[in-house]
Protein backbone atom coordinates (compact mmCIF):
# COMPACT_ATOMS: atom_id res chain seq x y z
CA UNK A 1 -19.97 -10.08 -38.16
CA UNK A 2 -16.76 -9.90 -36.19
CA UNK A 3 -15.14 -8.31 -33.16
CA UNK A 4 -11.51 -7.22 -33.00
CA UNK A 5 -9.74 -6.22 -29.80
CA UNK A 6 -7.47 -3.46 -31.07
CA UNK A 7 -5.91 -2.51 -27.73
CA UNK A 8 -6.03 -4.08 -24.27
CA UNK A 9 -4.25 -3.85 -20.90
CA UNK A 10 -0.71 -5.17 -20.69
CA UNK A 11 -0.29 -8.83 -19.82
CA UNK A 12 3.45 -8.43 -19.14
CA UNK A 13 3.12 -5.72 -16.47
CA UNK A 14 1.00 -5.36 -13.36
CA UNK A 15 -1.85 -2.95 -14.16
CA UNK A 16 -2.85 -0.26 -11.60
CA UNK A 17 -6.63 -0.29 -11.22
CA UNK A 18 -7.10 3.25 -9.91
CA UNK A 19 -6.10 4.58 -13.33
CA UNK A 20 -7.81 3.94 -16.68
CA UNK A 21 -7.98 0.25 -17.60
CA UNK A 22 -9.14 0.42 -21.20
CA UNK A 23 -10.02 -1.73 -24.17
CA UNK A 24 -10.40 -0.44 -27.70
CA UNK A 25 -12.72 -2.81 -29.56
CA UNK A 26 -14.08 -2.65 -33.12
CA UNK A 27 -17.02 -4.44 -34.69
CA UNK A 28 -18.28 -4.94 -38.22
CA UNK A 29 -21.90 -4.91 -36.99
CA UNK A 30 -22.25 -1.41 -35.58
CA UNK A 31 -24.92 -0.49 -38.14
CA UNK A 32 -27.32 -3.13 -36.79
CA UNK A 33 -30.45 -1.99 -34.95
CA UNK A 34 -30.02 -1.36 -31.21
CA UNK A 35 -26.36 -2.26 -31.40
CA UNK A 36 -24.37 -2.44 -28.19
CA UNK A 37 -21.19 -4.23 -27.25
CA UNK A 38 -21.42 -6.58 -24.27
CA UNK A 39 -18.41 -6.55 -21.96
CA UNK A 40 -18.25 -9.27 -19.30
CA UNK A 41 -15.60 -8.64 -16.66
CA UNK A 42 -13.90 -11.71 -15.21
CA UNK A 43 -11.86 -11.46 -11.98
CA UNK A 44 -9.87 -14.45 -10.71
CA UNK A 45 -11.74 -16.68 -13.14
CA UNK A 46 -15.26 -15.59 -12.11
CA UNK A 47 -17.55 -13.25 -14.03
CA UNK A 48 -18.38 -10.35 -11.72
CA UNK A 49 -20.14 -7.80 -13.95
CA UNK A 50 -21.53 -7.23 -17.42
CA UNK A 51 -21.54 -3.79 -19.04
CA UNK A 52 -23.01 -2.79 -22.39
CA UNK A 53 -21.40 -0.01 -24.40
CA UNK A 54 -22.65 2.18 -27.23
CA UNK A 55 -20.43 2.62 -30.25
CA UNK A 56 -18.58 5.94 -30.60
CA UNK A 57 -20.62 7.97 -33.14
CA UNK A 58 -19.42 7.79 -36.74
CA UNK A 59 -16.91 5.06 -35.91
CA UNK A 60 -16.81 1.30 -35.53
CA UNK A 61 -15.14 1.55 -32.12
CA UNK A 62 -16.07 1.07 -28.51
CA UNK A 63 -13.85 2.12 -25.60
CA UNK A 64 -14.54 -0.03 -22.55
CA UNK A 65 -13.20 1.29 -19.24
CA UNK A 66 -13.41 -1.31 -16.47
CA UNK A 67 -11.27 0.12 -13.66
CA UNK A 68 -14.28 1.09 -11.51
CA UNK A 69 -15.34 -2.54 -11.34
CA UNK A 70 -11.85 -3.84 -10.65
CA UNK A 71 -11.29 -1.47 -7.74
CA UNK A 72 -13.41 -3.64 -5.49
CA UNK A 73 -11.25 -6.73 -6.04
CA UNK A 74 -7.58 -5.77 -5.65
CA UNK A 75 -6.10 -6.85 -2.32
CA UNK A 76 -3.52 -4.80 -0.41
CA UNK A 77 -1.88 -7.48 1.76
CA UNK A 78 -3.21 -5.87 4.93
CA UNK A 79 -3.43 -9.14 6.85
CA UNK A 80 0.28 -9.86 6.53
CA UNK A 81 1.08 -6.37 7.76
CA UNK A 82 -1.03 -6.46 10.91
CA UNK A 83 0.10 -10.00 11.73
CA UNK A 84 3.68 -8.67 11.62
CA UNK A 85 4.90 -11.67 9.68
CA UNK A 86 8.62 -11.13 9.19
CA UNK A 87 9.29 -13.89 6.66
CA UNK A 88 9.71 -12.81 3.07
CA UNK A 89 6.76 -14.45 1.38
CA UNK A 90 4.51 -14.63 -1.62
CA UNK A 91 1.41 -12.48 -1.22
CA UNK A 92 -1.02 -15.02 -2.67
CA UNK A 93 -4.01 -12.80 -1.86
CA UNK A 94 -2.47 -9.98 -3.93
CA UNK A 95 -2.21 -12.06 -7.10
CA UNK A 96 -5.51 -10.96 -8.65
CA UNK A 97 -6.22 -11.47 -12.36
CA UNK A 98 -8.74 -9.89 -14.70
CA UNK A 99 -9.88 -10.03 -18.31
CA UNK A 100 -12.80 -8.83 -20.39
CA UNK A 101 -14.95 -10.90 -22.76
CA UNK A 102 -16.80 -9.08 -25.58
CA UNK A 103 -19.81 -10.04 -27.69
CA UNK A 104 -22.09 -8.16 -30.07
CA UNK A 105 -25.63 -7.48 -28.89
CA UNK A 106 -28.30 -6.18 -31.30
CA UNK A 107 -31.69 -6.86 -32.93
CA UNK A 108 -31.73 -9.46 -35.67
CA UNK A 109 -33.82 -9.42 -38.84
CA UNK A 110 -36.37 -11.76 -37.24
CA UNK A 111 -36.90 -10.06 -33.87
CA UNK A 112 -36.95 -6.53 -32.52
CA UNK A 113 -35.55 -7.57 -29.15
CA UNK A 114 -31.75 -7.34 -28.95
CA UNK A 115 -29.91 -10.60 -28.28
CA UNK A 116 -26.32 -11.80 -28.25
CA UNK A 117 -24.94 -12.27 -31.74
CA UNK A 118 -21.83 -13.83 -33.21
CA UNK A 119 -19.00 -15.31 -31.12
CA UNK A 120 -17.22 -14.01 -28.07
CA UNK A 121 -13.81 -12.35 -28.18
CA UNK A 122 -11.78 -12.71 -25.00
CA UNK A 123 -8.97 -10.42 -23.92
CA UNK A 124 -5.79 -11.80 -22.42
CA UNK A 125 -5.57 -12.39 -18.66
CA UNK A 126 -3.68 -9.59 -16.90
CA UNK A 127 -2.62 -8.98 -13.29
CA UNK A 128 -3.98 -6.05 -11.30
CA UNK A 129 -2.69 -4.15 -8.31
CA UNK A 130 -4.07 -1.41 -6.09
CA UNK A 131 -1.94 1.42 -7.53
CA UNK A 132 -3.17 4.98 -8.07
CA UNK A 133 -0.99 7.36 -10.07
CA UNK A 134 -1.40 11.05 -10.79
CA UNK A 135 -2.52 11.62 -14.35
CA UNK A 136 0.87 12.88 -15.54
CA UNK A 137 2.63 9.89 -13.92
CA UNK A 138 0.20 7.43 -15.45
CA UNK A 139 0.25 9.07 -18.90
CA UNK A 140 4.05 9.07 -18.77
CA UNK A 141 4.05 5.31 -17.99
CA UNK A 142 5.72 5.77 -14.60
CA UNK A 143 3.74 2.72 -13.44
CA UNK A 144 5.94 0.56 -15.66
CA UNK A 145 8.72 1.02 -13.07
CA UNK A 146 6.96 -1.24 -10.55
CA UNK A 147 7.13 -4.63 -12.28
CA UNK A 148 10.43 -6.43 -11.68
CA UNK A 149 11.23 -8.37 -14.86
CA UNK A 150 13.36 -11.44 -14.14
CA UNK A 151 14.60 -11.49 -17.74
CA UNK A 152 14.70 -7.86 -18.84
CA UNK A 153 15.68 -7.01 -22.41
CA UNK A 154 16.99 -3.69 -21.06
CA UNK A 155 18.34 -3.28 -17.54
CA UNK A 156 16.42 -0.76 -15.47
CA UNK A 157 15.75 0.39 -11.94
CA UNK A 158 12.57 -1.20 -10.63
CA UNK A 159 10.92 0.09 -7.46
CA UNK A 160 9.08 -1.38 -4.50
CA UNK A 161 5.63 -0.19 -3.45
CA UNK A 162 6.62 2.68 -1.16
CA UNK A 163 5.89 6.38 -1.66
CA UNK A 164 9.14 7.47 -0.01
CA UNK A 165 12.01 8.25 -2.37
CA UNK A 166 14.79 7.02 -0.07
CA UNK A 167 16.18 4.96 -2.90
CA UNK A 168 19.29 4.91 -4.99
CA UNK A 169 19.73 3.64 -8.55
CA UNK A 170 22.98 3.11 -10.39
CA UNK A 171 24.78 2.00 -7.26
CA UNK A 172 27.99 -0.03 -7.11
CA UNK A 173 28.49 -3.07 -4.88
CA UNK A 174 31.57 -4.90 -3.74
CA UNK A 175 32.20 -8.59 -4.35
CA UNK A 176 32.16 -9.50 -0.67
CA UNK A 177 29.30 -11.39 0.99
CA UNK A 178 26.20 -9.28 1.41
CA UNK A 179 27.25 -7.11 -1.55
CA UNK A 180 27.53 -3.80 0.34
CA UNK A 181 27.08 -0.62 -1.69
CA UNK A 182 30.45 1.08 -2.05
CA UNK A 183 29.49 4.63 -3.09
CA UNK A 184 27.05 5.82 -0.41
CA UNK A 185 27.41 9.37 0.86
CA UNK A 186 25.64 12.11 2.81
CA UNK A 187 24.04 13.21 -0.46
CA UNK A 188 21.86 10.08 -0.50
CA UNK A 189 18.39 10.01 1.03
CA UNK A 190 18.19 7.89 4.18
CA UNK A 191 14.83 7.31 5.80
CA UNK A 192 15.08 7.34 9.59
CA UNK A 193 13.63 4.32 11.38
CA UNK A 194 13.85 3.19 14.98
CA UNK A 195 15.25 -0.26 15.92
CA UNK A 196 11.74 -1.56 16.70
CA UNK A 197 9.82 0.18 13.90
CA UNK A 198 8.12 -2.21 11.49
CA UNK A 199 8.79 -1.42 7.84
CA UNK A 200 7.36 -3.16 4.79
CA UNK A 201 8.54 -3.48 1.21
CA UNK A 202 6.57 -5.18 -1.58
CA UNK A 203 7.91 -6.05 -5.03
CA UNK A 204 5.75 -6.96 -8.03
CA UNK A 205 7.62 -9.60 -10.02
CA UNK A 206 7.14 -10.76 -13.60
CA UNK A 207 8.57 -13.74 -15.48
CA UNK A 208 9.90 -15.35 -12.33
CA UNK A 209 10.61 -19.06 -12.25
CA UNK A 210 12.74 -21.52 -10.32
CA UNK A 211 15.72 -20.77 -12.57
CA UNK A 212 15.35 -17.01 -12.11
CA UNK A 213 16.12 -16.65 -8.45
CA UNK A 214 16.00 -13.32 -6.60
CA UNK A 215 17.82 -12.48 -3.39
CA UNK A 216 16.84 -9.60 -1.09
CA UNK A 217 19.89 -8.19 0.71
CA UNK A 218 19.83 -6.25 3.98
CA UNK A 219 23.33 -4.77 4.34
CA UNK A 220 24.66 -2.56 7.15
CA UNK A 221 27.06 0.37 7.13
CA UNK A 222 29.22 2.32 9.57
CA UNK A 223 28.71 6.05 10.29
CA UNK A 224 31.22 6.88 7.52
CA UNK A 225 29.06 4.96 4.96
CA UNK A 226 31.58 2.14 4.56
CA UNK A 227 30.58 -1.49 5.11
CA UNK A 228 30.27 -2.09 8.84
CA UNK A 229 32.88 -4.08 10.71
CA UNK A 230 32.47 -7.87 10.40
CA UNK A 231 30.31 -7.25 7.31
CA UNK A 232 26.87 -7.77 8.92
CA UNK A 233 24.09 -8.57 6.46
CA UNK A 234 20.93 -10.63 5.99
CA UNK A 235 19.58 -12.22 2.82
CA UNK A 236 16.21 -13.71 1.84
CA UNK A 237 16.70 -16.26 -0.92
CA UNK A 238 13.53 -16.20 -3.03
CA UNK A 239 13.68 -19.56 -4.75
CA UNK A 240 11.28 -22.05 -6.26
CA UNK A 241 11.09 -24.25 -3.17
CA UNK A 242 9.02 -21.88 -1.06
CA UNK A 243 8.37 -18.62 -2.84
CA UNK A 244 7.95 -19.31 -6.54
CA UNK A 245 5.95 -22.55 -6.28
CA UNK A 246 2.59 -20.87 -6.94
CA UNK A 247 3.67 -18.71 -9.86
CA UNK A 248 1.03 -18.37 -12.56
CA UNK A 249 2.24 -17.12 -15.95
CA UNK A 250 5.44 -16.01 -14.24
CA UNK A 251 3.78 -13.43 -11.94
CA UNK A 252 4.32 -13.09 -8.22
CA UNK A 253 4.16 -10.55 -5.40
CA UNK A 254 6.87 -10.77 -2.73
CA UNK A 255 6.62 -8.88 0.56
CA UNK A 256 8.97 -8.38 3.48
CA UNK A 257 8.14 -6.97 6.91
CA UNK A 258 11.24 -6.08 8.88
CA UNK A 259 12.34 -4.31 12.00
CA UNK A 260 15.92 -4.27 13.14
CA UNK A 261 15.43 -6.18 16.37
CA UNK A 262 13.65 -9.08 14.62
CA UNK A 263 16.03 -9.04 11.67
CA UNK A 264 18.99 -9.53 14.01
CA UNK A 265 17.55 -12.77 15.40
CA UNK A 266 15.70 -14.03 12.32
CA UNK A 267 15.89 -17.72 11.48
CA UNK A 268 13.18 -17.83 8.83
CA UNK A 269 13.41 -20.46 6.15
CA UNK A 270 15.77 -19.42 3.33
CA UNK A 271 17.07 -16.48 5.37
CA UNK A 272 20.84 -16.36 5.79
CA UNK A 273 22.77 -13.88 7.91
CA UNK A 274 26.22 -12.86 9.03
CA UNK A 275 27.09 -11.06 12.26
CA UNK A 276 23.65 -9.41 12.62
CA UNK A 277 23.64 -9.89 16.39
CA UNK A 278 26.72 -7.65 16.67
CA UNK A 279 24.90 -4.60 15.35
CA UNK A 280 24.85 -1.74 17.83
CA UNK A 281 24.69 2.04 17.96
CA UNK A 282 28.45 2.49 17.76
CA UNK A 283 29.25 0.18 14.84
CA UNK A 284 26.24 0.69 12.55
CA UNK A 285 24.25 3.73 11.46
CA UNK A 286 22.81 2.90 8.01
CA UNK A 287 21.51 -0.07 6.04
CA UNK A 288 20.23 -0.81 2.55
CA UNK A 289 17.65 -3.18 1.08
CA UNK A 290 17.63 -4.28 -2.56
CA UNK A 291 16.96 -7.23 -4.87
CA UNK A 292 19.48 -8.88 -7.11
CA UNK A 293 19.64 -11.98 -9.31
CA UNK A 294 21.92 -13.67 -11.78
CA UNK A 295 20.06 -12.11 -14.72
CA UNK A 296 18.83 -8.89 -13.15
CA UNK A 297 21.83 -7.02 -11.79
CA UNK A 298 19.97 -4.08 -10.32
CA UNK A 299 16.74 -2.91 -8.79
CA UNK A 300 16.78 0.28 -6.76
CA UNK A 301 18.29 0.16 -3.27
CA UNK A 302 16.25 1.53 -0.36
CA UNK A 303 18.36 3.35 2.21
CA UNK A 304 17.70 3.71 5.95
CA UNK A 305 19.28 5.48 8.89
CA UNK A 306 18.86 3.78 12.26
CA UNK A 307 17.62 6.28 14.84
CA UNK A 308 19.30 4.72 17.88
CA UNK A 309 18.57 7.78 20.04
CA UNK A 310 15.00 8.61 19.09
CA UNK A 311 13.35 11.41 21.04
CA UNK A 312 12.04 10.10 24.37
CA UNK A 313 10.76 13.39 25.78
CA UNK A 314 7.27 12.72 24.40
CA UNK A 315 5.21 9.62 23.68
CA UNK A 316 5.97 8.14 20.28
CA UNK A 317 3.37 6.91 17.79
CA UNK A 318 4.23 4.42 15.06
CA UNK A 319 1.71 5.06 12.27
CA UNK A 320 1.17 2.78 9.25
CA UNK A 321 -0.91 3.59 6.16
CA UNK A 322 -1.84 2.26 2.73
CA UNK A 323 -0.02 4.40 0.17
CA UNK A 324 -1.08 5.33 -3.36
CA UNK A 325 1.07 2.52 -4.79
CA UNK A 326 -0.87 -0.16 -2.97
CA UNK A 327 1.94 -0.79 -0.46
CA UNK A 328 2.30 0.17 3.20
CA UNK A 329 4.47 2.94 4.65
CA UNK A 330 5.22 3.85 8.26
CA UNK A 331 6.58 6.75 10.31
CA UNK A 332 7.31 7.28 14.00
CA UNK A 333 5.89 10.58 15.29
CA UNK A 334 7.86 11.35 18.44
CA UNK A 335 7.54 15.08 18.99
CA UNK A 336 5.01 16.90 21.15
CA UNK A 337 1.66 15.14 21.39
CA UNK A 338 -1.65 15.74 23.13
CA UNK A 339 -4.51 13.47 24.10
CA UNK A 340 -8.15 14.50 24.44
CA UNK A 341 -11.13 12.61 25.82
CA UNK A 342 -14.27 13.46 23.84
CA UNK A 343 -17.61 12.60 25.43
CA UNK A 344 -20.88 12.38 23.54
CA UNK A 345 -24.09 12.27 25.60
CA UNK A 346 -27.74 11.95 24.64
CA UNK A 347 -30.56 12.86 27.04
CA UNK A 348 -34.28 12.61 27.44
CA UNK A 349 -36.58 14.66 29.64
CA UNK A 350 -39.24 13.03 31.80
CA UNK A 351 -42.21 15.33 32.49
CA UNK A 352 -42.89 14.16 36.05
CA UNK A 353 -40.44 14.34 38.95
CA UNK A 354 -42.93 14.01 41.82
CA UNK A 355 -44.08 10.93 43.74
CA UNK A 356 -46.97 10.18 46.06
CA UNK A 357 -46.40 8.83 49.57
CA UNK A 358 -49.33 8.26 51.99
CA UNK A 359 -51.68 10.60 50.09
CA UNK A 360 -48.99 13.28 49.94
CA UNK A 361 -47.16 14.68 46.90
CA UNK A 362 -43.43 14.56 47.46
CA UNK A 363 -40.88 16.61 45.48
CA UNK A 364 -37.42 15.25 46.25
CA UNK A 365 -34.31 17.38 46.03
CA UNK A 366 -32.56 14.57 44.16
CA UNK A 367 -35.31 14.10 41.58
CA UNK A 368 -33.87 14.03 38.04
CA UNK A 369 -35.93 15.51 35.24
CA UNK A 370 -33.24 15.25 32.55
CA UNK A 371 -31.87 11.74 32.20
CA UNK A 372 -28.86 10.51 30.27
CA UNK A 373 -29.46 7.40 28.17
CA UNK A 374 -26.39 7.24 25.90
CA UNK A 375 -22.72 7.95 26.55
CA UNK A 376 -19.76 7.45 24.23
CA UNK A 377 -16.17 8.33 25.02
CA UNK A 378 -13.57 8.65 22.28
CA UNK A 379 -9.88 9.35 22.41
CA UNK A 380 -8.28 11.92 20.13
CA UNK A 381 -4.56 12.41 19.69
CA UNK A 382 -2.62 15.30 18.21
CA UNK A 383 0.83 14.24 17.05
CA UNK A 384 3.81 15.94 15.39
CA UNK A 385 6.59 14.76 13.13
CA UNK A 386 9.22 17.36 13.87
CA UNK A 387 11.09 19.05 11.04
CA UNK A 388 10.97 17.17 7.73
CA UNK A 389 12.97 17.31 4.54
CA UNK A 390 11.07 17.94 1.34
CA UNK A 391 11.19 14.31 0.20
CA UNK A 392 10.10 13.09 3.63
CA UNK A 393 7.11 15.41 3.60
CA UNK A 394 6.21 14.28 0.06
CA UNK A 395 6.27 10.66 1.22
CA UNK A 396 4.00 11.48 4.17
CA UNK A 397 1.34 13.15 2.01
CA UNK A 398 -0.22 9.75 1.31
CA UNK A 399 -0.92 9.40 5.03
CA UNK A 400 -3.34 12.33 4.91
CA UNK A 401 -5.41 10.82 2.09
CA UNK A 402 -5.05 7.12 2.86
CA UNK A 403 -8.25 5.07 3.25
CA UNK A 404 -6.53 2.76 5.79
CA UNK A 405 -4.43 4.05 8.69
CA UNK A 406 -3.23 2.16 11.76
CA UNK A 407 -1.45 2.97 14.99
CA UNK A 408 0.91 0.17 16.01
CA UNK A 409 0.27 0.31 19.73
CA UNK A 410 3.07 -1.05 21.97
CA UNK A 411 0.58 -3.10 24.02
CA UNK A 412 -2.35 -3.85 21.70
CA UNK A 413 -0.79 -4.15 18.26
CA UNK A 414 -2.42 -2.56 15.22
CA UNK A 415 -5.36 -0.26 16.02
CA UNK A 416 -7.49 1.31 13.27
CA UNK A 417 -7.52 5.11 13.43
CA UNK A 418 -9.20 7.92 11.50
CA UNK A 419 -7.41 11.18 10.67
CA UNK A 420 -9.66 14.14 11.50
CA UNK A 421 -7.65 17.16 10.48
CA UNK A 422 -4.13 18.26 9.72
CA UNK A 423 -2.04 21.35 9.93
CA UNK A 424 1.16 21.91 7.97
CA UNK A 425 3.66 24.41 9.31
CA UNK A 426 6.17 25.58 6.75
CA UNK A 427 9.46 26.76 8.22
CA UNK A 428 11.95 28.63 5.96
CA UNK A 429 15.38 27.06 6.18
CA UNK A 430 17.31 28.30 3.17
CA UNK A 431 16.51 30.52 0.22
CA UNK A 432 15.59 27.67 -2.12
CA UNK A 433 14.82 24.97 0.41
CA UNK A 434 11.98 24.38 2.85
CA UNK A 435 11.40 22.39 6.00
CA UNK A 436 8.06 21.14 7.28
CA UNK A 437 6.33 19.86 10.37
CA UNK A 438 3.38 17.54 9.87
CA UNK A 439 0.78 17.89 12.60
CA UNK A 440 -2.55 16.07 12.59
CA UNK A 441 -5.33 14.79 14.81
CA UNK A 442 -6.51 11.20 14.79
CA UNK A 443 -9.28 9.33 16.54
CA UNK A 444 -9.29 5.65 17.45
CA UNK A 445 -11.84 3.67 15.48
CA UNK A 446 -14.07 1.09 17.20
CA UNK A 447 -14.66 3.24 20.26
CA UNK A 448 -16.27 1.76 23.38
CA UNK A 449 -19.82 2.79 24.17
CA UNK A 450 -19.98 2.92 27.93
CA UNK A 451 -23.77 3.21 28.35
CA UNK A 452 -26.66 2.62 26.01
CA UNK A 453 -26.50 1.44 22.42
């Protein structure tokens, strides 16, 4: 009477819980009456659910899929986004663990009622994250590219949790402070951001300790892609004193919110900088963000173009959304926009409009037979992106299917919004290339009810 866990989720990589999270378990007792395999799911040390599985016919195996249960427990770091915390920090609320505990359950020779039998077999603890990959990406193990290994056996290019592909691998850096990339060109993908736009990058880290320090570099470049004059850069030193102190089994999640204006004046603990306050629209046009360490010479570098002269003809809308990787992306929509006021009214009809005065029936001209008892006003906005490159449009697709979308309002901060519809206009540009405009309507959540309930 024994259980063997033949296959289980990786305990050296973060596991995306919107894709199959599977165990293959065998038992020597599958021929017993009323046999089932009990699977108790433990999240962050607490049992949250028990499932019982039938054996696969003509085998001794059970496949236990537990991703549906785990989906309710993976955090997305939303609080640190909306609070606009600019310090690089450990996302302690994103460090969620899971494991499954199995036990045989069947009828014994002395009773017809099934009971637990034998001893439990526990799977290893693994870390989960709110990733959701297309089947081909998941089957091809693309999700392996999102766990930064501090001591990799093979060097690779590990990615942050953003759906935009404005990254570069295989880049070369100089030996000067800030380690500027030396081989940037117009062929690279640069995501446009405004000086005040809040951006967010999140890295999933594995096997990190005090002796395996990471540094996040923010390095700036001139319009000709060379390192900017005076070598302006910023660096977050991710060391054991503040960021690695709560590491469990070597796992950690590090996030960074940044906008250019705040980065220029940042004095956060373990943040060093050089000449950031000199950055202006004549000396700097691009910047890069990447991680490096003594043992890990390369992650991918994320590339940005500073839109110093963003369109001011129309109102601009800075939109943030939860992407399919479990991170947060943003885009400034600054082309033509429209605002609508939508009013919802409910009425009731009173049968009598007359009144009696001094034994006389009076019918007043202002008598109201139909009365309004509920009014709700909502605001709807139609916004446009302007022309997009293919990779920009692909990165924005997550916005249309995201379960969490916010408008970063200039006066009120982050406001929850709901996307109602979208229209994509495809504009031919070249024979084998396309340009797009993303147009959609959103409604502010938490609308005010002006009258009634």
